[in-house]
Amino acid sequence: MTRQENLLKLIEERLSEDEVINYYVEGAFESTVNGRQNTMTGILVTTNEKIRFCGKRFFLVYDDIIEYKDIEYVENNEEKLGHKIFIAGKEKSYSMKFIISKDVHNFVDSINKNL
């Protein structure tokens, strides 16, 4: 199994009954935790209920959830090393960098449909 398949399996185990994965992208996820910038590699998934991040480093599994109601807007920029998605939240912001995926535009459209 590839790293991406393993991370998708970990996310599927954490989904609620009615939750379904729409799209996902792989890259470096940045968020602010306790006032410090935190970067982890993994996958960011849109579902019909929320956005989920899953990353794994050694034996630790990082799981972060972003509710659609907490998002103000989403931006997608193409950079030299891949796409960058910026999610402006009401309380804190998130970004996913170095994305090399064909579904980036569908991923962003999926988020905008749920806002």
C-alpha atoms as a PDB file:
ATOM      1  CA  MET A   1       0.000   0.000   0.000  1.00  0.00           C
ATOM      2  CA  THR A   2       1.215   3.493  -0.813  1.00  0.00           C
ATOM      3  CA  ARG A   3       1.414   6.278   1.751  1.00  0.00           C
ATOM      4  CA  GLN A   4      -1.601   7.974   0.183  1.00  0.00           C
ATOM      5  CA  GLU A   5      -3.686   4.784   0.382  1.00  0.00           C
ATOM      6  CA  ASN A   6      -2.705   4.313   4.045  1.00  0.00           C
ATOM      7  CA  LEU A   7      -3.754   7.866   4.908  1.00  0.00           C
ATOM      8  CA  LEU A   8      -7.077   7.474   3.077  1.00  0.00           C
ATOM      9  CA  LYS A   9      -7.723   4.287   5.028  1.00  0.00           C
ATOM     10  CA  LEU A  10      -7.013   6.130   8.316  1.00  0.00           C
ATOM     11  CA  ILE A  11      -9.461   8.871   7.360  1.00  0.00           C
ATOM     12  CA  GLU A  12     -12.155   6.382   6.316  1.00  0.00           C
ATOM     13  CA  GLU A  13     -11.919   4.794   9.778  1.00  0.00           C
ATOM     14  CA  ARG A  14     -12.664   8.201  11.361  1.00  0.00           C
ATOM     15  CA  LEU A  15     -15.663   9.148   9.189  1.00  0.00           C
ATOM     16  CA  SER A  16     -19.159   9.251  10.628  1.00  0.00           C
ATOM     17  CA  GLU A  17     -21.895   7.026   9.175  1.00  0.00           C
ATOM     18  CA  ASP A  18     -23.243   9.526   6.636  1.00  0.00           C
ATOM     19  CA  GLU A  19     -19.900  11.101   5.745  1.00  0.00           C
ATOM     20  CA  VAL A  20     -18.542  10.468   2.229  1.00  0.00           C
ATOM     21  CA  ILE A  21     -15.170  11.513   0.750  1.00  0.00           C
ATOM     22  CA  ASN A  22     -15.531  13.840  -2.254  1.00  0.00           C
ATOM     23  CA  TYR A  23     -11.977  14.853  -3.213  1.00  0.00           C
ATOM     24  CA  TYR A  24      -8.511  14.840  -1.690  1.00  0.00           C
ATOM     25  CA  VAL A  25      -5.133  16.450  -2.287  1.00  0.00           C
ATOM     26  CA  GLU A  26      -1.711  15.586  -0.907  1.00  0.00           C
ATOM     27  CA  GLY A  27       0.871  18.117   0.262  1.00  0.00           C
ATOM     28  CA  ALA A  28       2.175  20.093   3.247  1.00  0.00           C
ATOM     29  CA  PHE A  29      -0.583  21.301   5.594  1.00  0.00           C
ATOM     30  CA  GLU A  30       0.041  24.447   7.648  1.00  0.00           C
ATOM     31  CA  SER A  31      -1.981  25.560  10.637  1.00  0.00           C
ATOM     32  CA  THR A  32      -1.390  27.625  13.745  1.00  0.00           C
ATOM     33  CA  VAL A  33      -1.334  25.790  17.068  1.00  0.00           C
ATOM     34  CA  ASN A  34      -0.813  27.773  20.283  1.00  0.00           C
ATOM     35  CA  GLY A  35       0.472  30.755  18.296  1.00  0.00           C
ATOM     36  CA  ARG A  36       3.095  28.710  16.429  1.00  0.00           C
ATOM     37  CA  GLN A  37       3.082  27.773  12.771  1.00  0.00           C
ATOM     38  CA  ASN A  38       2.831  23.995  12.392  1.00  0.00           C
ATOM     39  CA  THR A  39       3.564  22.148   9.106  1.00  0.00           C
ATOM     40  CA  MET A  40       2.812  18.465   8.457  1.00  0.00           C
ATOM     41  CA  THR A  41       2.719  16.378   5.299  1.00  0.00           C
ATOM     42  CA  GLY A  42      -0.388  14.368   4.542  1.00  0.00           C
ATOM     43  CA  ILE A  43      -3.711  14.524   2.726  1.00  0.00           C
ATOM     44  CA  LEU A  44      -6.533  17.034   2.935  1.00  0.00           C
ATOM     45  CA  VAL A  45      -9.978  15.583   2.215  1.00  0.00           C
ATOM     46  CA  THR A  46     -13.331  17.217   1.507  1.00  0.00           C
ATOM     47  CA  THR A  47     -16.387  15.294   2.631  1.00  0.00           C
ATOM     48  CA  ASN A  48     -20.054  16.122   2.472  1.00  0.00           C
ATOM     49  CA  GLU A  49     -19.880  17.326   6.122  1.00  0.00           C
ATOM     50  CA  LYS A  50     -16.404  18.838   6.745  1.00  0.00           C
ATOM     51  CA  ILE A  51     -12.769  19.073   5.674  1.00  0.00           C
ATOM     52  CA  ARG A  52     -10.340  16.609   7.237  1.00  0.00           C
ATOM     53  CA  PHE A  53      -6.553  16.470   7.333  1.00  0.00           C
ATOM     54  CA  CYS A  54      -4.630  13.302   8.089  1.00  0.00           C
ATOM     55  CA  GLY A  55      -0.878  12.975   8.396  1.00  0.00           C
ATOM     56  CA  LYS A  56       1.345  10.332   9.905  1.00  0.00           C
ATOM     57  CA  ARG A  57       4.846  10.666  11.284  1.00  0.00           C
ATOM     58  CA  PHE A  58       6.401   7.553  12.786  1.00  0.00           C
ATOM     59  CA  PHE A  59       3.707   6.185  15.141  1.00  0.00           C
ATOM     60  CA  LEU A  60       1.734   9.426  15.576  1.00  0.00           C
ATOM     61  CA  VAL A  61      -1.372  10.134  13.512  1.00  0.00           C
ATOM     62  CA  TYR A  62      -2.287  13.798  13.072  1.00  0.00           C
ATOM     63  CA  ASP A  63      -5.964  14.432  12.512  1.00  0.00           C
ATOM     64  CA  ASP A  64      -7.410  17.902  12.036  1.00  0.00           C
ATOM     65  CA  ILE A  65     -10.991  18.875  11.223  1.00  0.00           C
ATOM     66  CA  ILE A  66     -12.237  22.105   9.635  1.00  0.00           C
ATOM     67  CA  GLU A  67     -15.976  22.708   9.721  1.00  0.00           C
ATOM     68  CA  TYR A  68     -17.500  24.364   6.631  1.00  0.00           C
ATOM     69  CA  LYS A  69     -19.352  26.853   8.852  1.00  0.00           C
ATOM     70  CA  ASP A  70     -15.978  28.125  10.174  1.00  0.00           C
ATOM     71  CA  ILE A  71     -14.636  29.026   6.699  1.00  0.00           C
ATOM     72  CA  GLU A  72     -14.921  32.519   5.227  1.00  0.00           C
ATOM     73  CA  TYR A  73     -13.335  31.887   1.811  1.00  0.00           C
ATOM     74  CA  VAL A  74     -10.915  29.647  -0.097  1.00  0.00           C
ATOM     75  CA  GLU A  75      -8.140  30.624  -2.532  1.00  0.00           C
ATOM     76  CA  ASN A  76      -6.219  28.468  -5.005  1.00  0.00           C
ATOM     77  CA  ASN A  77      -2.878  29.678  -6.404  1.00  0.00           C
ATOM     78  CA  GLU A  78      -0.532  27.915  -8.778  1.00  0.00           C
ATOM     79  CA  GLU A  79       3.130  28.182  -7.785  1.00  0.00           C
ATOM     80  CA  LYS A  80       6.385  26.806  -9.192  1.00  0.00           C
ATOM     81  CA  LEU A  81       6.379  23.759  -6.903  1.00  0.00           C
ATOM     82  CA  GLY A  82       2.671  22.974  -7.208  1.00  0.00           C
ATOM     83  CA  HIS A  83      -0.623  24.479  -6.142  1.00  0.00           C
ATOM     84  CA  LYS A  84      -1.332  26.234  -2.844  1.00  0.00           C
ATOM     85  CA  ILE A  85      -4.777  26.260  -1.241  1.00  0.00           C
ATOM     86  CA  PHE A  86      -5.448  28.905   1.403  1.00  0.00           C
ATOM     87  CA  ILE A  87      -8.470  28.459   3.675  1.00  0.00           C
ATOM     88  CA  ALA A  88      -9.400  31.596   5.610  1.00  0.00           C
ATOM     89  CA  GLY A  89     -11.235  30.600   8.742  1.00  0.00           C
ATOM     90  CA  LYS A  90     -13.202  32.799  11.106  1.00  0.00           C
ATOM     91  CA  GLU A  91     -10.786  32.110  13.970  1.00  0.00           C
ATOM     92  CA  LYS A  92      -7.640  30.781  12.248  1.00  0.00           C
ATOM     93  CA  SER A  93      -6.368  30.107   8.764  1.00  0.00           C
ATOM     94  CA  TYR A  94      -4.996  26.991   7.101  1.00  0.00           C
ATOM     95  CA  SER A  95      -3.021  26.324   3.952  1.00  0.00           C
ATOM     96  CA  MET A  96      -1.942  23.336   1.920  1.00  0.00           C
ATOM     97  CA  LYS A  97       1.252  23.810  -0.109  1.00  0.00           C
ATOM     98  CA  PHE A  98       3.227  21.847  -2.679  1.00  0.00           C
ATOM     99  CA  ILE A  99       0.117  20.120  -4.049  1.00  0.00           C
ATOM    100  CA  ILE A 100       0.604  18.061  -7.167  1.00  0.00           C
ATOM    101  CA  SER A 101      -2.848  16.704  -7.933  1.00  0.00           C
ATOM    102  CA  LYS A 102      -5.222  16.754 -10.870  1.00  0.00           C
ATOM    103  CA  ASP A 103      -8.234  17.309  -8.603  1.00  0.00           C
ATOM    104  CA  VAL A 104      -7.155  20.670  -7.108  1.00  0.00           C
ATOM    105  CA  HIS A 105      -9.827  22.678  -8.914  1.00  0.00           C
ATOM    106  CA  ASN A 106     -12.544  20.117  -8.107  1.00  0.00           C
ATOM    107  CA  PHE A 107     -11.330  20.105  -4.493  1.00  0.00           C
ATOM    108  CA  VAL A 108     -11.695  23.899  -4.195  1.00  0.00           C
ATOM    109  CA  ASP A 109     -15.064  23.846  -6.001  1.00  0.00           C
ATOM    110  CA  SER A 110     -16.264  21.171  -3.567  1.00  0.00           C
ATOM    111  CA  ILE A 111     -15.395  23.425  -0.612  1.00  0.00           C
ATOM    112  CA  ASN A 112     -17.089  26.451  -2.183  1.00  0.00           C
ATOM    113  CA  LYS A 113     -20.285  24.465  -2.784  1.00  0.00           C
ATOM    114  CA  ASN A 114     -20.493  23.631   0.925  1.00  0.00           C
ATOM    115  CA  LEU A 115     -19.921  27.190   2.196  1.00  0.00           C
END
